[in-house]
């Protein structure tokens, strides 16, 4: 409940969780923080169809995001969705289409494209966006996510193999927690804080942090309406159930721009630029090889204004700065990397058809089956 304020503009009215202890904790937090007594549900569909609810905040494991967002959209609710937008590319496309069809206001909850200091650069993205738009760095550009802001620090979210079966806690409706995921014996490590280590529910540190890192880069490079054409992985062979570590993932766009994600044992040594082109380099701390770069940036026109107040967008029925379309594109980039990692090979992607070229196994992972009677049809 901490993501929303309860005031004259927005009130927290309902909460849902399939874990009774988690639900009780959220209820107490709502009372302590906002003085609210919320209606509670254990089946999320009841909350989605509560007539007192205008905005649905989806803060579940990603294997639920697509289903919940689709149901909320069809119910006429506006949507505040945590990252990654969806666990699969196909689910993201279905959500994007539904929101457009139903006229909902959608927000993906990663904010670095428009606020907060961006990963060690000592600035928001706006100055870097202006510099890139000016052509001062040349083209094509390479962006490197490395070092302290790389992915190695997220590798505590790897899965475990040969987990012993444990009794399901009395407070947890495990069948509801699993939902569309395959039924597998309960072990605490598969759920709650460590679910990210299993392909059935998420994609490890890559899926957890990927949109935080990649979404602002899509914006900086002007790639919000396209995708890379190739993704390469350097990684150990992945387990079919448990997410493992990786050394690097490299995305290449049709114009030669690259995004390089660095993982375990691959962190660049020494002074490495965050972004570089044929004419210049920018390092963390916004150190730049272009003389008087801040004077240059201050002389450049600002990027087009964006709508960054979600509640205002809801009231005025205007698209949020990170809406379903933009979110789908950056989520797809993340999920391209997840698929390449799972298969352990380079994949070529067609941005027009939004399919992998000549790779049946990769295309099967675009739309993965749902289980236990759940469906997005």
Protein backbone atom coordinates (compact mmCIF):
# COMPACT_ATOMS: atom_id res chain seq x y z
CA UNK A 1 0.00 0.00 0.00
CA UNK A 2 2.95 2.37 0.27
CA UNK A 3 2.83 3.16 -3.47
CA UNK A 4 -0.30 5.29 -3.14
CA UNK A 5 -1.20 8.15 -0.87
CA UNK A 6 -4.57 8.28 0.80
CA UNK A 7 -5.69 11.89 0.47
CA UNK A 8 -8.31 13.95 -1.33
CA UNK A 9 -6.99 12.74 -4.70
CA UNK A 10 -6.54 9.01 -4.15
CA UNK A 11 -7.62 6.63 -1.41
CA UNK A 12 -6.49 3.11 -0.71
CA UNK A 13 -9.76 1.19 -0.45
CA UNK A 14 -9.06 -2.52 -1.09
CA UNK A 15 -6.28 -5.06 -0.62
CA UNK A 16 -5.82 -8.62 -1.88
CA UNK A 17 -3.33 -11.38 -1.15
CA UNK A 18 -3.46 -15.17 -1.19
CA UNK A 19 -1.18 -15.24 1.87
CA UNK A 20 -3.21 -14.41 4.98
CA UNK A 21 -0.15 -13.18 6.89
CA UNK A 22 0.88 -10.85 4.07
CA UNK A 23 -2.68 -9.57 3.80
CA UNK A 24 -2.86 -8.88 7.52
CA UNK A 25 0.44 -7.00 7.35
CA UNK A 26 -0.81 -4.85 4.46
CA UNK A 27 -4.02 -4.07 6.33
CA UNK A 28 -2.02 -2.96 9.35
CA UNK A 29 0.25 -0.83 7.16
CA UNK A 30 -2.80 0.87 5.63
CA UNK A 31 -4.07 1.66 9.12
CA UNK A 32 -0.73 2.87 10.44
CA UNK A 33 0.27 4.92 7.40
CA UNK A 34 -3.02 6.21 6.07
CA UNK A 35 -5.60 5.60 8.79
CA UNK A 36 -7.56 3.48 6.31
CA UNK A 37 -9.67 0.40 6.99
CA UNK A 38 -9.55 -1.45 3.70
CA UNK A 39 -11.81 -4.10 2.24
CA UNK A 40 -9.86 -7.34 1.83
CA UNK A 41 -9.93 -10.13 -0.73
CA UNK A 42 -8.13 -13.41 -1.22
CA UNK A 43 -9.15 -13.75 -4.90
CA UNK A 44 -7.78 -10.88 -7.00
CA UNK A 45 -10.72 -11.07 -9.40
CA UNK A 46 -13.01 -9.86 -6.65
CA UNK A 47 -10.85 -6.79 -6.11
CA UNK A 48 -10.66 -6.06 -9.84
CA UNK A 49 -14.45 -6.04 -10.04
CA UNK A 50 -14.98 -4.02 -6.85
CA UNK A 51 -16.99 -0.96 -8.00
CA UNK A 52 -15.17 1.23 -5.47
CA UNK A 53 -11.83 0.56 -7.19
CA UNK A 54 -10.73 2.89 -10.00
CA UNK A 55 -7.02 1.97 -10.18
CA UNK A 56 -5.61 -1.53 -9.76
CA UNK A 57 -2.01 -1.76 -8.54
CA UNK A 58 -0.45 -5.07 -9.65
CA UNK A 59 2.40 -5.92 -7.28
CA UNK A 60 2.55 -9.70 -7.70
CA UNK A 61 5.12 -12.10 -9.15
CA UNK A 62 5.32 -11.47 -12.93
CA UNK A 63 3.59 -14.70 -13.95
CA UNK A 64 0.37 -12.98 -12.80
CA UNK A 65 0.93 -9.55 -14.42
CA UNK A 66 -0.55 -10.32 -17.82
CA UNK A 67 -3.70 -12.01 -16.56
CA UNK A 68 -4.41 -9.38 -13.92
CA UNK A 69 -3.75 -6.44 -16.25
CA UNK A 70 -6.00 -7.93 -18.94
CA UNK A 71 -8.84 -8.55 -16.47
CA UNK A 72 -8.45 -5.06 -14.99
CA UNK A 73 -8.45 -3.50 -18.44
CA UNK A 74 -11.60 -5.37 -19.48
CA UNK A 75 -13.23 -4.32 -16.20
CA UNK A 76 -12.60 -0.66 -17.05
CA UNK A 77 -9.95 -0.07 -14.41
CA UNK A 78 -6.80 2.00 -14.80
CA UNK A 79 -3.61 0.09 -14.10
CA UNK A 80 -0.40 0.69 -12.13
CA UNK A 81 1.80 -2.35 -12.92
CA UNK A 82 5.12 -3.30 -11.40
CA UNK A 83 8.03 -4.31 -13.61
CA UNK A 84 8.61 -6.41 -15.58
CA UNK A 85 5.38 -5.54 -17.38
CA UNK A 86 4.79 -9.21 -18.23
CA UNK A 87 6.69 -12.48 -18.00
CA UNK A 88 6.35 -13.18 -21.73
CA UNK A 89 6.34 -11.12 -24.91
CA UNK A 90 2.95 -12.48 -25.98
CA UNK A 91 1.31 -11.49 -22.69
CA UNK A 92 2.68 -7.97 -23.02
CA UNK A 93 1.21 -7.64 -26.49
CA UNK A 94 -2.19 -8.79 -25.26
CA UNK A 95 -2.14 -6.26 -22.43
CA UNK A 96 -1.07 -3.45 -24.75
CA UNK A 97 -3.89 -4.27 -27.17
CA UNK A 98 -6.48 -4.50 -24.39
CA UNK A 99 -5.53 -1.16 -22.84
CA UNK A 100 -5.74 0.52 -26.23
CA UNK A 101 -9.10 -1.13 -26.95
CA UNK A 102 -10.61 -0.28 -23.57
CA UNK A 103 -9.17 3.20 -23.13
CA UNK A 104 -7.51 2.57 -19.75
CA UNK A 105 -4.68 4.67 -18.33
CA UNK A 106 -1.67 2.42 -17.77
CA UNK A 107 1.52 3.07 -15.85
CA UNK A 108 4.53 0.79 -15.65
CA UNK A 109 6.38 1.30 -12.39
CA UNK A 110 9.89 2.11 -13.41
CA UNK A 111 10.69 5.79 -13.20
CA UNK A 112 14.28 6.41 -14.27
CA UNK A 113 13.33 7.71 -17.72
CA UNK A 114 11.82 10.78 -16.07
CA UNK A 115 12.95 11.16 -12.46
CA UNK A 116 15.72 10.28 -9.98
CA UNK A 117 19.46 10.19 -10.51
CA UNK A 118 20.20 7.59 -13.13
CA UNK A 119 22.55 4.81 -12.01
CA UNK A 120 25.74 6.59 -11.06
CA UNK A 121 25.69 9.25 -13.76
CA UNK A 122 25.04 11.93 -11.15
CA UNK A 123 22.10 13.28 -13.13
CA UNK A 124 18.65 12.43 -14.41
CA UNK A 125 18.40 11.15 -17.99
CA UNK A 126 17.40 14.52 -19.47
CA UNK A 127 20.93 15.97 -20.00
CA UNK A 128 22.08 12.71 -21.57
CA UNK A 129 18.99 12.64 -23.79
CA UNK A 130 19.74 16.19 -24.94
CA UNK A 131 23.36 15.32 -25.65
CA UNK A 132 22.40 12.25 -27.68
CA UNK A 133 19.69 14.16 -29.60
CA UNK A 134 22.23 16.82 -30.53
CA UNK A 135 24.43 14.29 -32.32
CA UNK A 136 27.46 15.43 -30.35
CA UNK A 137 28.47 11.84 -29.50
CA UNK A 138 28.04 10.65 -33.08
CA UNK A 139 26.21 7.49 -34.13
CA UNK A 140 25.80 4.58 -33.55
CA UNK A 141 26.05 4.53 -29.76
CA UNK A 142 26.97 1.81 -27.28
CA UNK A 143 25.52 1.82 -23.76
CA UNK A 144 27.18 -0.36 -21.14
CA UNK A 145 25.52 -1.36 -17.86
CA UNK A 146 28.52 -2.42 -15.82
CA UNK A 147 30.28 -2.40 -12.48
CA UNK A 148 28.27 -1.40 -9.42
CA UNK A 149 25.21 -0.75 -11.56
CA UNK A 150 25.49 -4.02 -13.45
CA UNK A 151 23.63 -7.24 -12.75
CA UNK A 152 26.08 -9.25 -10.64
CA UNK A 153 24.68 -7.71 -7.45
CA UNK A 154 21.29 -9.25 -8.33
CA UNK A 155 22.56 -12.79 -8.67
CA UNK A 156 21.48 -13.69 -5.16
CA UNK A 157 18.16 -14.28 -6.97
CA UNK A 158 19.24 -17.47 -8.67
CA UNK A 159 17.18 -20.60 -8.29
CA UNK A 160 17.98 -23.80 -6.48
CA UNK A 161 17.76 -27.29 -7.95
CA UNK A 162 16.50 -30.49 -6.30
CA UNK A 163 14.41 -28.60 -3.77
CA UNK A 164 12.83 -30.86 -1.15
CA UNK A 165 9.06 -30.83 -0.85
CA UNK A 166 7.83 -28.86 2.15
CA UNK A 167 4.38 -28.59 3.70
CA UNK A 168 2.40 -25.60 2.46
CA UNK A 169 1.96 -23.04 5.26
CA UNK A 170 -1.61 -22.81 6.52
CA UNK A 171 -1.67 -19.09 5.73
CA UNK A 172 -0.89 -19.58 2.01
CA UNK A 173 -3.28 -20.59 -0.77
CA UNK A 174 -0.52 -22.17 -2.86
CA UNK A 175 -2.83 -23.08 -5.74
CA UNK A 176 -3.82 -19.41 -6.09
CA UNK A 177 -0.20 -18.31 -5.75
CA UNK A 178 0.76 -20.63 -8.63
CA UNK A 179 -2.21 -19.62 -10.75
CA UNK A 180 -1.20 -20.07 -14.42
CA UNK A 181 2.22 -21.53 -13.55
CA UNK A 182 2.82 -25.31 -13.72
CA UNK A 183 2.04 -27.19 -10.54
CA UNK A 184 5.23 -28.07 -8.72
CA UNK A 185 5.75 -29.24 -5.14
CA UNK A 186 5.87 -26.43 -2.61
CA UNK A 187 9.17 -25.16 -1.28
CA UNK A 188 9.48 -21.79 0.39
CA UNK A 189 12.31 -20.80 -1.94
CA UNK A 190 9.93 -20.90 -4.91
CA UNK A 191 7.65 -18.26 -3.42
CA UNK A 192 7.61 -14.76 -1.99
CA UNK A 193 10.97 -12.95 -1.95
CA UNK A 194 12.92 -15.65 -3.83
CA UNK A 195 10.42 -16.54 -6.61
CA UNK A 196 12.55 -14.59 -9.11
CA UNK A 197 14.97 -17.51 -9.30
CA UNK A 198 12.54 -19.72 -11.25
CA UNK A 199 11.59 -19.42 -14.92
CA UNK A 200 7.97 -20.32 -14.16
CA UNK A 201 7.45 -17.00 -12.36
CA UNK A 202 10.19 -14.57 -13.44
CA UNK A 203 13.67 -14.35 -14.97
CA UNK A 204 16.11 -13.71 -12.14
CA UNK A 205 17.99 -10.44 -11.80
CA UNK A 206 17.63 -9.79 -15.53
CA UNK A 207 13.84 -9.65 -15.37
CA UNK A 208 13.85 -7.94 -11.98
CA UNK A 209 16.15 -5.04 -12.93
CA UNK A 210 16.03 -5.19 -16.73
CA UNK A 211 13.34 -2.59 -17.28
CA UNK A 212 14.91 -0.25 -14.73
CA UNK A 213 18.10 -0.31 -16.82
CA UNK A 214 16.82 -0.77 -20.37
CA UNK A 215 13.71 1.40 -20.42
CA UNK A 216 15.64 4.68 -19.91
CA UNK A 217 18.15 3.60 -22.56
CA UNK A 218 15.34 3.00 -25.06
CA UNK A 219 14.25 6.58 -24.34
CA UNK A 220 17.75 8.02 -24.58
CA UNK A 221 18.41 6.28 -27.90
CA UNK A 222 14.99 7.11 -29.34
CA UNK A 223 14.03 3.43 -29.58
CA UNK A 224 10.63 3.50 -27.85
CA UNK A 225 8.84 2.17 -30.94
CA UNK A 226 11.26 -0.54 -32.02
CA UNK A 227 13.33 -3.51 -30.80
CA UNK A 228 16.87 -4.83 -31.20
CA UNK A 229 17.47 -7.14 -34.15
CA UNK A 230 19.93 -9.40 -32.31
CA UNK A 231 20.60 -10.57 -28.77
CA UNK A 232 23.77 -12.45 -27.78
CA UNK A 233 24.45 -14.18 -24.47
CA UNK A 234 27.59 -15.33 -22.76
CA UNK A 235 26.44 -17.61 -19.95
CA UNK A 236 26.69 -21.08 -18.44
CA UNK A 237 24.06 -23.57 -19.58
CA UNK A 238 20.84 -22.75 -17.77
CA UNK A 239 18.80 -25.21 -15.73
CA UNK A 240 15.29 -25.80 -17.16
CA UNK A 241 13.66 -24.75 -13.87
CA UNK A 242 16.12 -22.64 -11.86
CA UNK A 243 17.54 -19.37 -13.20
CA UNK A 244 21.33 -19.23 -13.19
CA UNK A 245 23.98 -16.55 -13.61
CA UNK A 246 25.35 -15.07 -16.81
CA UNK A 247 28.40 -13.11 -17.91
CA UNK A 248 27.02 -10.73 -20.54
CA UNK A 249 24.00 -10.02 -22.72
CA UNK A 250 24.42 -7.81 -25.79
CA UNK A 251 21.57 -6.26 -27.75
CA UNK A 252 22.17 -4.83 -31.24
CA UNK A 253 19.75 -2.55 -33.10
CA UNK A 254 19.38 -2.32 -36.86
CA UNK A 255 21.34 0.95 -36.96
CA UNK A 256 24.26 -0.53 -35.02
CA UNK A 257 23.45 0.84 -31.56
CA UNK A 258 24.20 -1.60 -28.76
CA UNK A 259 23.22 -2.18 -25.14
CA UNK A 260 25.68 -4.36 -23.22
CA UNK A 261 24.60 -5.80 -19.87
CA UNK A 262 27.43 -7.09 -17.71
CA UNK A 263 26.96 -9.84 -15.17
CA UNK A 264 29.07 -12.18 -13.07
CA UNK A 265 32.78 -12.14 -13.75
CA UNK A 266 32.40 -9.83 -16.74
CA UNK A 267 32.54 -6.41 -15.12
CA UNK A 268 34.72 -4.08 -17.15
CA UNK A 269 38.01 -3.14 -15.53
CA UNK A 270 39.16 0.39 -15.09
CA UNK A 271 37.44 3.46 -16.45
CA UNK A 272 34.60 2.44 -18.74
CA UNK A 273 32.16 4.81 -20.49
CA UNK A 274 28.47 4.45 -19.78
CA UNK A 275 27.68 5.62 -23.29
CA UNK A 276 30.01 6.17 -26.20
CA UNK A 277 29.90 7.06 -29.86
CA UNK A 278 32.41 7.87 -32.59
CA UNK A 279 32.69 11.48 -31.39
CA UNK A 280 32.63 11.22 -27.62
CA UNK A 281 32.19 9.28 -24.40
CA UNK A 282 30.24 9.85 -21.19
CA UNK A 283 31.37 8.19 -17.95
CA UNK A 284 29.56 7.72 -14.66
CA UNK A 285 29.52 10.96 -12.75
CA UNK A 286 28.75 12.60 -16.10
CA UNK A 287 32.40 13.02 -16.92
CA UNK A 288 32.59 13.54 -20.67
CA UNK A 289 35.31 13.70 -23.32
CA UNK A 290 33.50 16.64 -24.95
CA UNK A 291 34.93 19.92 -23.59
CA UNK A 292 32.52 22.14 -21.64
CA UNK A 293 29.80 19.53 -22.02
CA UNK A 294 27.43 21.06 -19.46
CA UNK A 295 27.55 24.42 -21.21
CA UNK A 296 26.72 22.63 -24.44
CA UNK A 297 23.84 20.74 -22.83
CA UNK A 298 22.41 23.90 -21.27
CA UNK A 299 22.37 25.52 -24.71
CA UNK A 300 20.40 22.66 -26.26
CA UNK A 301 16.59 22.49 -26.52
CA UNK A 302 14.79 20.37 -23.96
CA UNK A 303 13.18 17.09 -25.05
CA UNK A 304 9.40 17.19 -25.58
CA UNK A 305 7.41 17.46 -22.34
CA UNK A 306 5.91 14.28 -20.93
CA UNK A 307 3.01 13.46 -18.59
CA UNK A 308 4.65 12.17 -15.40
CA UNK A 309 1.85 12.63 -12.85
CA UNK A 310 -0.10 9.37 -12.96
CA UNK A 311 -3.09 10.55 -10.96
CA UNK A 312 -3.40 13.64 -13.11
CA UNK A 313 -3.28 11.41 -16.20
CA UNK A 314 -6.12 9.34 -14.72
CA UNK A 315 -8.23 12.41 -14.00
CA UNK A 316 -7.60 14.00 -17.38
CA UNK A 317 -7.54 10.74 -19.40
CA UNK A 318 -4.10 11.37 -20.83
CA UNK A 319 -1.42 8.77 -21.50
CA UNK A 320 1.25 8.47 -18.82
CA UNK A 321 4.90 8.99 -19.83
CA UNK A 322 5.56 5.26 -19.50
CA UNK A 323 2.37 3.75 -20.85
CA UNK A 324 1.42 0.30 -22.12
CA UNK A 325 3.03 0.77 -25.55
CA UNK A 326 6.37 2.04 -24.30
CA UNK A 327 6.29 -0.49 -21.46
CA UNK A 328 5.63 -3.31 -23.91
CA UNK A 329 8.64 -2.34 -25.99
CA UNK A 330 11.14 -2.20 -23.12
CA UNK A 331 9.61 -5.32 -21.54
CA UNK A 332 10.05 -7.14 -24.84
CA UNK A 333 13.74 -6.22 -24.89
CA UNK A 334 14.12 -7.74 -21.43
CA UNK A 335 12.20 -10.88 -22.42
CA UNK A 336 14.28 -11.27 -25.58
CA UNK A 337 17.29 -11.56 -23.29
CA UNK A 338 15.49 -14.01 -21.02
CA UNK A 339 14.66 -16.26 -23.98
CA UNK A 340 18.21 -16.12 -25.35
CA UNK A 341 19.55 -16.93 -21.90
CA UNK A 342 17.20 -19.89 -21.45
CA UNK A 343 18.16 -21.29 -24.85
CA UNK A 344 21.84 -20.41 -24.54
CA UNK A 345 22.32 -18.98 -28.01
CA UNK A 346 22.29 -15.87 -30.17
CA UNK A 347 18.85 -14.93 -31.48
CA UNK A 348 17.89 -12.72 -34.40
CA UNK A 349 14.65 -10.76 -34.11
CA UNK A 350 12.38 -9.18 -36.72
CA UNK A 351 10.95 -5.94 -35.27
CA UNK A 352 8.19 -5.88 -37.90
CA UNK A 353 6.74 -9.32 -37.21
CA UNK A 354 7.94 -9.34 -33.58
CA UNK A 355 9.20 -12.88 -33.97
CA UNK A 356 12.59 -14.60 -33.93
CA UNK A 357 14.05 -15.40 -37.31
CA UNK A 358 14.41 -19.12 -38.10
CA UNK A 359 14.22 -20.30 -34.49
CA UNK A 360 11.16 -22.39 -33.64
CA UNK A 361 12.16 -22.96 -30.01
CA UNK A 362 12.58 -19.24 -29.39
CA UNK A 363 9.22 -18.45 -31.01
CA UNK A 364 7.52 -21.05 -28.80
CA UNK A 365 8.64 -18.99 -25.81
CA UNK A 366 6.89 -15.87 -27.12
CA UNK A 367 3.54 -17.28 -26.00
CA UNK A 368 4.00 -19.82 -23.24
CA UNK A 369 1.17 -22.06 -22.06
CA UNK A 370 -0.91 -21.28 -18.99
CA UNK A 371 -1.97 -24.04 -16.65
CA UNK A 372 -4.66 -24.93 -14.12
CA UNK A 373 -7.49 -23.57 -16.23
CA UNK A 374 -6.12 -20.03 -16.52
CA UNK A 375 -6.12 -18.33 -19.90
CA UNK A 376 -5.88 -14.87 -21.50
CA UNK A 377 -8.42 -15.84 -24.19
